[in-house]
Amino acid sequence: MEIRDVLAHNLKTHRVAQGLSQEELAHRAAVDRTYISSLERSVYAAGIDVVDRLANVLGLEAADLLKRPDAAEIKRKD
């Protein structure tokens, strides 16, 4: 799994778990909603500052968004 895919998976998983829309997360992190969508689809690579802002909004450490999930967790999401 590429690092963009790891971020995409973790970002969407945590966003949905907290009941946030892409639009609300984008607003709170001061980024565009389409950027959140692109990150969740692995289209863009996020800069470290953006990863940190997103993590803060989600109540996480930046490293949590970049931690590779185990195979069982990915399978549960599919």
Protein backbone atom coordinates (compact mmCIF):
# COMPACT_ATOMS: atom_id res chain seq x y z
CA MET A 1 0.00 0.00 0.00
CA GLU A 2 1.45 3.36 -1.09
CA ILE A 3 1.64 6.17 1.48
CA ARG A 4 -1.03 8.14 -0.43
CA ASP A 5 -3.33 5.13 -0.09
CA VAL A 6 -2.54 4.86 3.63
CA LEU A 7 -3.45 8.52 4.16
CA ALA A 8 -6.59 8.14 2.04
CA HIS A 9 -7.75 5.09 4.00
CA ASN A 10 -7.02 6.56 7.43
CA LEU A 11 -8.42 9.99 6.63
CA LYS A 12 -11.73 8.62 5.39
CA THR A 13 -11.97 6.04 8.18
CA HIS A 14 -11.47 8.64 10.93
CA ARG A 15 -13.65 11.26 9.23
CA VAL A 16 -16.58 8.88 8.83
CA ALA A 17 -16.13 7.48 12.37
CA GLN A 18 -16.51 11.01 13.72
CA GLY A 19 -19.53 11.71 11.56
CA LEU A 20 -17.89 14.53 9.64
CA SER A 21 -18.66 15.31 6.03
CA GLN A 22 -15.83 16.13 3.67
CA GLU A 23 -17.13 19.69 3.64
CA GLU A 24 -17.09 20.03 7.43
CA LEU A 25 -13.60 18.56 7.73
CA ALA A 26 -12.37 20.87 4.98
CA HIS A 27 -13.91 23.90 6.68
CA ARG A 28 -12.36 23.06 10.05
CA ALA A 29 -8.94 22.39 8.49
CA ALA A 30 -9.09 25.48 6.23
CA VAL A 31 -8.80 23.55 2.97
CA ASP A 32 -11.15 23.09 0.02
CA ARG A 33 -13.68 20.24 0.10
CA THR A 34 -12.50 19.01 -3.28
CA TYR A 35 -9.00 18.69 -1.79
CA ILE A 36 -10.34 16.35 0.91
CA SER A 37 -12.06 14.31 -1.79
CA SER A 38 -8.84 14.14 -3.79
CA LEU A 39 -6.85 13.06 -0.73
CA GLU A 40 -9.38 10.33 0.06
CA ARG A 41 -9.09 9.07 -3.54
CA SER A 42 -5.25 9.16 -3.47
CA VAL A 43 -5.19 11.76 -6.25
CA TYR A 44 -3.03 14.26 -4.35
CA ALA A 45 -0.20 13.90 -1.88
CA ALA A 46 -0.72 16.12 1.16
CA GLY A 47 2.02 18.30 2.57
CA ILE A 48 3.08 17.72 6.16
CA ASP A 49 1.36 20.91 7.32
CA VAL A 50 -1.95 19.78 5.85
CA VAL A 51 -1.60 16.31 7.40
CA ASP A 52 -1.00 17.99 10.76
CA ARG A 53 -4.06 20.28 10.40
CA LEU A 54 -6.29 17.38 9.41
CA ALA A 55 -5.00 15.29 12.31
CA ASN A 56 -5.64 18.13 14.76
CA VAL A 57 -9.22 18.52 13.54
CA LEU A 58 -9.74 14.77 13.95
CA GLY A 59 -8.13 14.77 17.41
CA LEU A 60 -5.21 12.64 16.24
CA GLU A 61 -1.47 12.85 15.89
CA ALA A 62 -0.23 13.33 12.32
CA ALA A 63 1.49 9.94 12.58
CA ASP A 64 -1.91 8.29 13.11
CA LEU A 65 -2.97 9.34 9.62
CA LEU A 66 0.19 7.82 8.15
CA LYS A 67 0.17 4.54 10.07
CA ARG A 68 -0.30 1.54 7.80
CA PRO A 69 -3.44 -0.42 8.70
CA ASP A 70 -3.20 -4.17 9.03
CA ALA A 71 -4.71 -6.34 6.30
CA ALA A 72 -7.65 -7.40 8.47
CA GLU A 73 -8.70 -3.79 9.02
CA ILE A 74 -8.62 -3.07 5.29
CA LYS A 75 -10.65 -6.18 4.54
CA ARG A 76 -13.36 -5.12 7.07
CA LYS A 77 -13.75 -1.79 5.23
CA ASP A 78 -14.34 -3.48 1.86
